[in-house]
Amino acid sequence: MVEPCFFTAGKVSNLADTPFQEKDTASPVIIYGKDSCPFTRRARDAFTAQGRDVLFYNLPDHPEKMAEFLSHSPEGKIPLVIDKDIVCIGFEGT
């Protein structure tokens, strides 16, 4: 079972204090959120700055992903970041 984690990433381009620092950079990070959310944008920017491929689901444009999103974030908090077996809700204190 995957346990969700919550973290504050610090600087947008610095993921050193997150659970993602040791992950395989060959596989994409999956982010669920909204284009209009500043925390979602920061998460996307941070992983991109680290050279990671990001698969982003803007939830208003992808209603078919809502059930999957809610299975990891039952309260509907965004952004939801999934990197293989690590699931984190929020970014930079959200």
PDB file of N, CA and C in Angstrom:
ATOM      1  N   MET A   1       0.842  -1.182   0.000  1.00  0.00           N
ATOM      2  CA  MET A   1       0.000   0.000   0.000  1.00  0.00           C
ATOM      3  C   MET A   1       0.882   1.239   0.000  1.00  0.00           C
ATOM      4  N   VAL A   2       0.521   2.206  -0.788  1.00  0.00           N
ATOM      5  CA  VAL A   2       1.279   3.449  -0.878  1.00  0.00           C
ATOM      6  C   VAL A   2       0.757   4.418   0.168  1.00  0.00           C
ATOM      7  N   GLU A   3       1.660   4.935   0.979  1.00  0.00           N
ATOM      8  CA  GLU A   3       1.296   5.914   1.997  1.00  0.00           C
ATOM      9  C   GLU A   3       1.545   7.310   1.474  1.00  0.00           C
ATOM     10  N   PRO A   4       0.558   8.217   1.596  1.00  0.00           N
ATOM     11  CA  PRO A   4       0.795   9.587   1.141  1.00  0.00           C
ATOM     12  C   PRO A   4       1.738  10.319   2.083  1.00  0.00           C
ATOM     13  N   CYS A   5       2.475  11.245   1.541  1.00  0.00           N
ATOM     14  CA  CYS A   5       3.341  12.082   2.355  1.00  0.00           C
ATOM     15  C   CYS A   5       3.020  13.532   2.037  1.00  0.00           C
ATOM     16  N   PHE A   6       3.367  14.388   2.946  1.00  0.00           N
ATOM     17  CA  PHE A   6       3.154  15.820   2.780  1.00  0.00           C
ATOM     18  C   PHE A   6       4.504  16.474   3.006  1.00  0.00           C
ATOM     19  N   PHE A   7       4.876  17.426   2.164  1.00  0.00           N
ATOM     20  CA  PHE A   7       6.184  18.031   2.341  1.00  0.00           C
ATOM     21  C   PHE A   7       6.188  19.482   1.929  1.00  0.00           C
ATOM     22  N   THR A   8       7.194  20.168   2.426  1.00  0.00           N
ATOM     23  CA  THR A   8       7.474  21.527   2.003  1.00  0.00           C
ATOM     24  C   THR A   8       8.775  21.459   1.237  1.00  0.00           C
ATOM     25  N   ALA A   9       8.757  21.833  -0.005  1.00  0.00           N
ATOM     26  CA  ALA A   9       9.927  21.637  -0.856  1.00  0.00           C
ATOM     27  C   ALA A   9      10.977  22.734  -0.723  1.00  0.00           C
ATOM     28  N   GLY A  10      10.674  23.842  -0.094  1.00  0.00           N
ATOM     29  CA  GLY A  10      11.647  24.923  -0.020  1.00  0.00           C
ATOM     30  C   GLY A  10      11.665  25.677  -1.327  1.00  0.00           C
ATOM     31  N   LYS A  11      12.836  25.909  -1.865  1.00  0.00           N
ATOM     32  CA  LYS A  11      12.937  26.620  -3.135  1.00  0.00           C
ATOM     33  C   LYS A  11      12.301  25.799  -4.251  1.00  0.00           C
ATOM     34  N   VAL A  12      11.722  26.491  -5.194  1.00  0.00           N
ATOM     35  CA  VAL A  12      11.007  25.830  -6.283  1.00  0.00           C
ATOM     36  C   VAL A  12      11.895  24.838  -7.017  1.00  0.00           C
ATOM     37  N   SER A  13      13.151  25.183  -7.232  1.00  0.00           N
ATOM     38  CA  SER A  13      14.021  24.310  -8.019  1.00  0.00           C
ATOM     39  C   SER A  13      14.813  23.328  -7.155  1.00  0.00           C
ATOM     40  N   ASN A  14      14.536  23.264  -5.858  1.00  0.00           N
ATOM     41  CA  ASN A  14      15.309  22.401  -4.978  1.00  0.00           C
ATOM     42  C   ASN A  14      14.417  21.302  -4.409  1.00  0.00           C
ATOM     43  N   LEU A  15      14.639  20.083  -4.835  1.00  0.00           N
ATOM     44  CA  LEU A  15      13.883  18.950  -4.330  1.00  0.00           C
ATOM     45  C   LEU A  15      14.702  18.106  -3.369  1.00  0.00           C
ATOM     46  N   ALA A  16      15.840  18.626  -2.904  1.00  0.00           N
ATOM     47  CA  ALA A  16      16.758  17.845  -2.076  1.00  0.00           C
ATOM     48  C   ALA A  16      16.141  17.400  -0.755  1.00  0.00           C
ATOM     49  N   ASP A  17      15.193  18.154  -0.229  1.00  0.00           N
ATOM     50  CA  ASP A  17      14.597  17.805   1.058  1.00  0.00           C
ATOM     51  C   ASP A  17      13.300  17.040   0.914  1.00  0.00           C
ATOM     52  N   THR A  18      13.037  16.504  -0.257  1.00  0.00           N
ATOM     53  CA  THR A  18      11.805  15.766  -0.498  1.00  0.00           C
ATOM     54  C   THR A  18      12.103  14.287  -0.676  1.00  0.00           C
ATOM     55  N   PRO A  19      11.092  13.452  -0.645  1.00  0.00           N
ATOM     56  CA  PRO A  19      11.310  12.022  -0.866  1.00  0.00           C
ATOM     57  C   PRO A  19      11.701  11.682  -2.297  1.00  0.00           C
ATOM     58  N   PHE A  20      11.710  12.661  -3.183  1.00  0.00           N
ATOM     59  CA  PHE A  20      11.966  12.396  -4.597  1.00  0.00           C
ATOM     60  C   PHE A  20      13.433  12.433  -4.974  1.00  0.00           C
ATOM     61  N   GLN A  21      14.316  12.812  -4.071  1.00  0.00           N
ATOM     62  CA  GLN A  21      15.705  13.043  -4.434  1.00  0.00           C
ATOM     63  C   GLN A  21      16.431  11.808  -4.954  1.00  0.00           C
ATOM     64  N   GLU A  22      16.032  10.622  -4.556  1.00  0.00           N
ATOM     65  CA  GLU A  22      16.740   9.407  -4.956  1.00  0.00           C
ATOM     66  C   GLU A  22      16.023   8.626  -6.057  1.00  0.00           C
ATOM     67  N   LYS A  23      14.959   9.174  -6.607  1.00  0.00           N
ATOM     68  CA  LYS A  23      14.166   8.411  -7.546  1.00  0.00           C
ATOM     69  C   LYS A  23      14.806   8.359  -8.929  1.00  0.00           C
ATOM     70  N   ASP A  24      14.403   7.348  -9.670  1.00  0.00           N
ATOM     71  CA  ASP A  24      14.863   7.124 -11.038  1.00  0.00           C
ATOM     72  C   ASP A  24      14.369   8.256 -11.939  1.00  0.00           C
ATOM     73  N   THR A  25      15.300   8.974 -12.534  1.00  0.00           N
ATOM     74  CA  THR A  25      14.913  10.101 -13.376  1.00  0.00           C
ATOM     75  C   THR A  25      14.452   9.662 -14.765  1.00  0.00           C
ATOM     76  N   ALA A  26      14.525   8.364 -15.064  1.00  0.00           N
ATOM     77  CA  ALA A  26      14.112   7.888 -16.381  1.00  0.00           C
ATOM     78  C   ALA A  26      12.595   7.795 -16.512  1.00  0.00           C
ATOM     79  N   SER A  27      11.890   7.673 -15.401  1.00  0.00           N
ATOM     80  CA  SER A  27      10.437   7.567 -15.480  1.00  0.00           C
ATOM     81  C   SER A  27       9.801   8.919 -15.140  1.00  0.00           C
ATOM     82  N   PRO A  28       8.671   9.221 -15.780  1.00  0.00           N
ATOM     83  CA  PRO A  28       8.065  10.540 -15.542  1.00  0.00           C
ATOM     84  C   PRO A  28       7.417  10.649 -14.168  1.00  0.00           C
ATOM     85  N   VAL A  29       7.386  11.853 -13.663  1.00  0.00           N
ATOM     86  CA  VAL A  29       6.634  12.193 -12.463  1.00  0.00           C
ATOM     87  C   VAL A  29       5.220  12.532 -12.934  1.00  0.00           C
ATOM     88  N   ILE A  30       4.222  12.010 -12.256  1.00  0.00           N
ATOM     89  CA  ILE A  30       2.833  12.297 -12.608  1.00  0.00           C
ATOM     90  C   ILE A  30       2.303  13.342 -11.638  1.00  0.00           C
ATOM     91  N   ILE A  31       1.750  14.409 -12.176  1.00  0.00           N
ATOM     92  CA  ILE A  31       1.199  15.479 -11.348  1.00  0.00           C
ATOM     93  C   ILE A  31      -0.251  15.715 -11.759  1.00  0.00           C
ATOM     94  N   TYR A  32      -1.130  15.673 -10.765  1.00  0.00           N
ATOM     95  CA  TYR A  32      -2.532  16.028 -10.949  1.00  0.00           C
ATOM     96  C   TYR A  32      -2.727  17.389 -10.294  1.00  0.00           C
ATOM     97  N   GLY A  33      -3.389  18.287 -10.993  1.00  0.00           N
ATOM     98  CA  GLY A  33      -3.630  19.603 -10.429  1.00  0.00           C
ATOM     99  C   GLY A  33      -4.456  20.446 -11.367  1.00  0.00           C
ATOM    100  N   LYS A  34      -4.279  21.754 -11.225  1.00  0.00           N
ATOM    101  CA  LYS A  34      -4.976  22.707 -12.087  1.00  0.00           C
ATOM    102  C   LYS A  34      -3.971  23.723 -12.602  1.00  0.00           C
ATOM    103  N   ASP A  35      -4.125  24.108 -13.854  1.00  0.00           N
ATOM    104  CA  ASP A  35      -3.250  25.126 -14.429  1.00  0.00           C
ATOM    105  C   ASP A  35      -3.267  26.408 -13.617  1.00  0.00           C
ATOM    106  N   SER A  36      -4.404  26.726 -13.009  1.00  0.00           N
ATOM    107  CA  SER A  36      -4.549  27.978 -12.281  1.00  0.00           C
ATOM    108  C   SER A  36      -3.962  27.943 -10.874  1.00  0.00           C
ATOM    109  N   CYS A  37      -3.518  26.797 -10.408  1.00  0.00           N
ATOM    110  CA  CYS A  37      -2.993  26.651  -9.047  1.00  0.00           C
ATOM    111  C   CYS A  37      -1.500  26.978  -9.008  1.00  0.00           C
ATOM    112  N   PRO A  38      -1.087  27.973  -8.208  1.00  0.00           N
ATOM    113  CA  PRO A  38       0.333  28.317  -8.152  1.00  0.00           C
ATOM    114  C   PRO A  38       1.207  27.193  -7.590  1.00  0.00           C
ATOM    115  N   PHE A  39       0.666  26.370  -6.690  1.00  0.00           N
ATOM    116  CA  PHE A  39       1.444  25.276  -6.124  1.00  0.00           C
ATOM    117  C   PHE A  39       1.649  24.164  -7.147  1.00  0.00           C
ATOM    118  N   THR A  40       0.647  23.936  -7.986  1.00  0.00           N
ATOM    119  CA  THR A  40       0.794  22.974  -9.076  1.00  0.00           C
ATOM    120  C   THR A  40       1.865  23.460 -10.048  1.00  0.00           C
ATOM    121  N   ARG A  41       1.840  24.730 -10.385  1.00  0.00           N
ATOM    122  CA  ARG A  41       2.862  25.277 -11.298  1.00  0.00           C
ATOM    123  C   ARG A  41       4.258  25.140 -10.692  1.00  0.00           C
ATOM    124  N   ARG A  42       4.385  25.412  -9.401  1.00  0.00           N
ATOM    125  CA  ARG A  42       5.701  25.285  -8.741  1.00  0.00           C
ATOM    126  C   ARG A  42       6.198  23.842  -8.759  1.00  0.00           C
ATOM    127  N   ALA A  43       5.293  22.899  -8.528  1.00  0.00           N
ATOM    128  CA  ALA A  43       5.691  21.489  -8.569  1.00  0.00           C
ATOM    129  C   ALA A  43       6.177  21.118  -9.968  1.00  0.00           C
ATOM    130  N   ARG A  44       5.424  21.515 -10.982  1.00  0.00           N
ATOM    131  CA  ARG A  44       5.820  21.214 -12.364  1.00  0.00           C
ATOM    132  C   ARG A  44       7.171  21.848 -12.681  1.00  0.00           C
ATOM    133  N   ASP A  45       7.335  23.104 -12.304  1.00  0.00           N
ATOM    134  CA  ASP A  45       8.595  23.806 -12.571  1.00  0.00           C
ATOM    135  C   ASP A  45       9.769  23.155 -11.847  1.00  0.00           C
ATOM    136  N   ALA A  46       9.553  22.730 -10.613  1.00  0.00           N
ATOM    137  CA  ALA A  46      10.639  22.136  -9.831  1.00  0.00           C
ATOM    138  C   ALA A  46      11.131  20.838 -10.455  1.00  0.00           C
ATOM    139  N   PHE A  47      10.204  19.969 -10.846  1.00  0.00           N
ATOM    140  CA  PHE A  47      10.622  18.704 -11.451  1.00  0.00           C
ATOM    141  C   PHE A  47      11.238  18.921 -12.830  1.00  0.00           C
ATOM    142  N   THR A  48      10.710  19.847 -13.583  1.00  0.00           N
ATOM    143  CA  THR A  48      11.290  20.168 -14.888  1.00  0.00           C
ATOM    144  C   THR A  48      12.705  20.700 -14.720  1.00  0.00           C
ATOM    145  N   ALA A  49      12.923  21.558 -13.725  1.00  0.00           N
ATOM    146  CA  ALA A  49      14.255  22.116 -13.466  1.00  0.00           C
ATOM    147  C   ALA A  49      15.250  21.026 -13.072  1.00  0.00           C
ATOM    148  N   GLN A  50      14.754  19.945 -12.498  1.00  0.00           N
ATOM    149  CA  GLN A  50      15.615  18.822 -12.126  1.00  0.00           C
ATOM    150  C   GLN A  50      15.849  17.863 -13.297  1.00  0.00           C
ATOM    151  N   GLY A  51      15.308  18.198 -14.455  1.00  0.00           N
ATOM    152  CA  GLY A  51      15.496  17.349 -15.628  1.00  0.00           C
ATOM    153  C   GLY A  51      14.530  16.188 -15.703  1.00  0.00           C
ATOM    154  N   ARG A  52      13.478  16.219 -14.903  1.00  0.00           N
ATOM    155  CA  ARG A  52      12.506  15.133 -14.906  1.00  0.00           C
ATOM    156  C   ARG A  52      11.439  15.362 -15.962  1.00  0.00           C
ATOM    157  N   ASP A  53      10.992  14.293 -16.577  1.00  0.00           N
ATOM    158  CA  ASP A  53       9.824  14.353 -17.447  1.00  0.00           C
ATOM    159  C   ASP A  53       8.597  14.399 -16.546  1.00  0.00           C
ATOM    160  N   VAL A  54       7.645  15.252 -16.891  1.00  0.00           N
ATOM    161  CA  VAL A  54       6.437  15.416 -16.091  1.00  0.00           C
ATOM    162  C   VAL A  54       5.224  15.084 -16.955  1.00  0.00           C
ATOM    163  N   LEU A  55       4.388  14.196 -16.452  1.00  0.00           N
ATOM    164  CA  LEU A  55       3.111  13.893 -17.065  1.00  0.00           C
ATOM    165  C   LEU A  55       2.068  14.622 -16.226  1.00  0.00           C
ATOM    166  N   PHE A  56       1.508  15.697 -16.774  1.00  0.00           N
ATOM    167  CA  PHE A  56       0.605  16.560 -16.021  1.00  0.00           C
ATOM    168  C   PHE A  56      -0.830  16.369 -16.471  1.00  0.00           C
ATOM    169  N   TYR A  57      -1.710  16.180 -15.491  1.00  0.00           N
ATOM    170  CA  TYR A  57      -3.139  16.110 -15.761  1.00  0.00           C
ATOM    171  C   TYR A  57      -3.803  17.337 -15.158  1.00  0.00           C
ATOM    172  N   ASN A  58      -4.218  18.259 -16.024  1.00  0.00           N
ATOM    173  CA  ASN A  58      -5.013  19.402 -15.593  1.00  0.00           C
ATOM    174  C   ASN A  58      -6.425  18.866 -15.383  1.00  0.00           C
ATOM    175  N   LEU A  59      -6.825  18.726 -14.135  1.00  0.00           N
ATOM    176  CA  LEU A  59      -8.056  18.005 -13.822  1.00  0.00           C
ATOM    177  C   LEU A  59      -9.309  18.539 -14.509  1.00  0.00           C
ATOM    178  N   PRO A  60      -9.463  19.858 -14.684  1.00  0.00           N
ATOM    179  CA  PRO A  60     -10.653  20.309 -15.411  1.00  0.00           C
ATOM    180  C   PRO A  60     -10.714  19.789 -16.860  1.00  0.00           C
ATOM    181  N   ASP A  61      -9.552  19.507 -17.439  1.00  0.00           N
ATOM    182  CA  ASP A  61      -9.497  19.002 -18.811  1.00  0.00           C
ATOM    183  C   ASP A  61      -9.513  17.481 -18.888  1.00  0.00           C
ATOM    184  N   HIS A  62      -9.345  16.810 -17.745  1.00  0.00           N
ATOM    185  CA  HIS A  62      -9.264  15.345 -17.722  1.00  0.00           C
ATOM    186  C   HIS A  62     -10.197  14.756 -16.663  1.00  0.00           C
ATOM    187  N   PRO A  63     -11.507  14.914 -16.832  1.00  0.00           N
ATOM    188  CA  PRO A  63     -12.428  14.373 -15.828  1.00  0.00           C
ATOM    189  C   PRO A  63     -12.320  12.852 -15.676  1.00  0.00           C
ATOM    190  N   GLU A  64     -11.825  12.182 -16.699  1.00  0.00           N
ATOM    191  CA  GLU A  64     -11.657  10.724 -16.625  1.00  0.00           C
ATOM    192  C   GLU A  64     -10.584  10.324 -15.613  1.00  0.00           C
ATOM    193  N   LYS A  65      -9.752  11.258 -15.186  1.00  0.00           N
ATOM    194  CA  LYS A  65      -8.684  10.987 -14.210  1.00  0.00           C
ATOM    195  C   LYS A  65      -9.113  11.289 -12.773  1.00  0.00           C
ATOM    196  N   MET A  66     -10.333  11.811 -12.593  1.00  0.00           N
ATOM    197  CA  MET A  66     -10.778  12.239 -11.272  1.00  0.00           C
ATOM    198  C   MET A  66     -10.834  11.091 -10.264  1.00  0.00           C
ATOM    199  N   ALA A  67     -11.340   9.929 -10.649  1.00  0.00           N
ATOM    200  CA  ALA A  67     -11.427   8.796  -9.717  1.00  0.00           C
ATOM    201  C   ALA A  67     -10.030   8.360  -9.269  1.00  0.00           C
ATOM    202  N   GLU A  68      -9.099   8.296 -10.215  1.00  0.00           N
ATOM    203  CA  GLU A  68      -7.722   7.929  -9.878  1.00  0.00           C
ATOM    204  C   GLU A  68      -7.113   8.961  -8.934  1.00  0.00           C
ATOM    205  N   PHE A  69      -7.331  10.245  -9.238  1.00  0.00           N
ATOM    206  CA  PHE A  69      -6.831  11.330  -8.392  1.00  0.00           C
ATOM    207  C   PHE A  69      -7.400  11.211  -6.980  1.00  0.00           C
ATOM    208  N   LEU A  70      -8.705  11.037  -6.862  1.00  0.00           N
ATOM    209  CA  LEU A  70      -9.344  10.975  -5.548  1.00  0.00           C
ATOM    210  C   LEU A  70      -8.962   9.725  -4.763  1.00  0.00           C
ATOM    211  N   SER A  71      -8.537   8.671  -5.444  1.00  0.00           N
ATOM    212  CA  SER A  71      -8.090   7.472  -4.728  1.00  0.00           C
ATOM    213  C   SER A  71      -6.816   7.744  -3.938  1.00  0.00           C
ATOM    214  N   HIS A  72      -6.033   8.726  -4.370  1.00  0.00           N
ATOM    215  CA  HIS A  72      -4.803   9.103  -3.670  1.00  0.00           C
ATOM    216  C   HIS A  72      -4.991  10.344  -2.808  1.00  0.00           C
ATOM    217  N   SER A  73      -5.905  11.208  -3.188  1.00  0.00           N
ATOM    218  CA  SER A  73      -6.145  12.461  -2.467  1.00  0.00           C
ATOM    219  C   SER A  73      -7.654  12.591  -2.217  1.00  0.00           C
ATOM    220  N   PRO A  74      -8.173  11.821  -1.238  1.00  0.00           N
ATOM    221  CA  PRO A  74      -9.616  11.775  -1.020  1.00  0.00           C
ATOM    222  C   PRO A  74     -10.246  13.132  -0.701  1.00  0.00           C
ATOM    223  N   GLU A  75      -9.469  14.034  -0.136  1.00  0.00           N
ATOM    224  CA  GLU A  75      -9.999  15.361   0.173  1.00  0.00           C
ATOM    225  C   GLU A  75      -9.900  16.304  -1.026  1.00  0.00           C
ATOM    226  N   GLY A  76      -9.322  15.826  -2.121  1.00  0.00           N
ATOM    227  CA  GLY A  76      -9.227  16.626  -3.335  1.00  0.00           C
ATOM    228  C   GLY A  76      -8.151  17.689  -3.306  1.00  0.00           C
ATOM    229  N   LYS A  77      -7.152  17.519  -2.444  1.00  0.00           N
ATOM    230  CA  LYS A  77      -6.076  18.515  -2.362  1.00  0.00           C
ATOM    231  C   LYS A  77      -5.102  18.351  -3.515  1.00  0.00           C
ATOM    232  N   ILE A  78      -4.680  19.488  -4.053  1.00  0.00           N
ATOM    233  CA  ILE A  78      -3.720  19.499  -5.155  1.00  0.00           C
ATOM    234  C   ILE A  78      -2.520  20.358  -4.770  1.00  0.00           C
ATOM    235  N   PRO A  79      -1.413  20.164  -5.428  1.00  0.00           N
ATOM    236  CA  PRO A  79      -1.160  19.133  -6.432  1.00  0.00           C
ATOM    237  C   PRO A  79      -0.942  17.764  -5.801  1.00  0.00           C
ATOM    238  N   LEU A  80      -1.223  16.754  -6.568  1.00  0.00           N
ATOM    239  CA  LEU A  80      -0.920  15.378  -6.208  1.00  0.00           C
ATOM    240  C   LEU A  80       0.257  14.965  -7.076  1.00  0.00           C
ATOM    241  N   VAL A  81       1.349  14.557  -6.438  1.00  0.00           N
ATOM    242  CA  VAL A  81       2.571  14.188  -7.147  1.00  0.00           C
ATOM    243  C   VAL A  81       2.839  12.705  -6.913  1.00  0.00           C
ATOM    244  N   ILE A  82       3.001  11.962  -8.000  1.00  0.00           N
ATOM    245  CA  ILE A  82       3.292  10.529  -7.904  1.00  0.00           C
ATOM    246  C   ILE A  82       4.577  10.240  -8.668  1.00  0.00           C
ATOM    247  N   ASP A  83       5.512   9.626  -7.960  1.00  0.00           N
ATOM    248  CA  ASP A  83       6.779   9.219  -8.561  1.00  0.00           C
ATOM    249  C   ASP A  83       7.007   7.763  -8.189  1.00  0.00           C
ATOM    250  N   LYS A  84       6.606   6.879  -9.090  1.00  0.00           N
ATOM    251  CA  LYS A  84       6.639   5.432  -8.848  1.00  0.00           C
ATOM    252  C   LYS A  84       5.836   5.105  -7.595  1.00  0.00           C
ATOM    253  N   ASP A  85       6.496   4.719  -6.495  1.00  0.00           N
ATOM    254  CA  ASP A  85       5.775   4.309  -5.289  1.00  0.00           C
ATOM    255  C   ASP A  85       5.663   5.421  -4.247  1.00  0.00           C
ATOM    256  N   ILE A  86       6.065   6.635  -4.576  1.00  0.00           N
ATOM    257  CA  ILE A  86       5.932   7.765  -3.661  1.00  0.00           C
ATOM    258  C   ILE A  86       4.770   8.629  -4.109  1.00  0.00           C
ATOM    259  N   VAL A  87       3.868   8.903  -3.168  1.00  0.00           N
ATOM    260  CA  VAL A  87       2.714   9.753  -3.442  1.00  0.00           C
ATOM    261  C   VAL A  87       2.755  10.907  -2.456  1.00  0.00           C
ATOM    262  N   CYS A  88       2.779  12.132  -2.972  1.00  0.00           N
ATOM    263  CA  CYS A  88       2.783  13.300  -2.101  1.00  0.00           C
ATOM    264  C   CYS A  88       1.649  14.239  -2.493  1.00  0.00           C
ATOM    265  N   ILE A  89       1.019  14.776  -1.475  1.00  0.00           N
ATOM    266  CA  ILE A  89      -0.061  15.730  -1.666  1.00  0.00           C
ATOM    267  C   ILE A  89       0.434  17.084  -1.206  1.00  0.00           C
ATOM    268  N   GLY A  90       0.354  18.052  -2.093  1.00  0.00           N
ATOM    269  CA  GLY A  90       0.799  19.399  -1.767  1.00  0.00           C
ATOM    270  C   GLY A  90       2.225  19.655  -2.236  1.00  0.00           C
ATOM    271  N   PHE A  91       2.549  20.921  -2.288  1.00  0.00           N
ATOM    272  CA  PHE A  91       3.891  21.320  -2.687  1.00  0.00           C
ATOM    273  C   PHE A  91       4.164  22.691  -2.087  1.00  0.00           C
ATOM    274  N   GLU A  92       5.274  22.817  -1.407  1.00  0.00           N
ATOM    275  CA  GLU A  92       5.672  24.066  -0.757  1.00  0.00           C
ATOM    276  C   GLU A  92       4.627  24.555   0.231  1.00  0.00           C
ATOM    277  N   GLY A  93       4.188  23.641   1.082  1.00  0.00           N
ATOM    278  CA  GLY A  93       3.321  24.036   2.175  1.00  0.00           C
ATOM    279  C   GLY A  93       1.846  24.042   1.873  1.00  0.00           C
ATOM    280  N   THR A  94       1.414  23.553   0.713  1.00  0.00           N
ATOM    281  CA  THR A  94      -0.017  23.536   0.439  1.00  0.00           C
ATOM    282  C   THR A  94      -0.690  22.461   1.263  1.00  0.00           C
TER     283      THR A  94
END
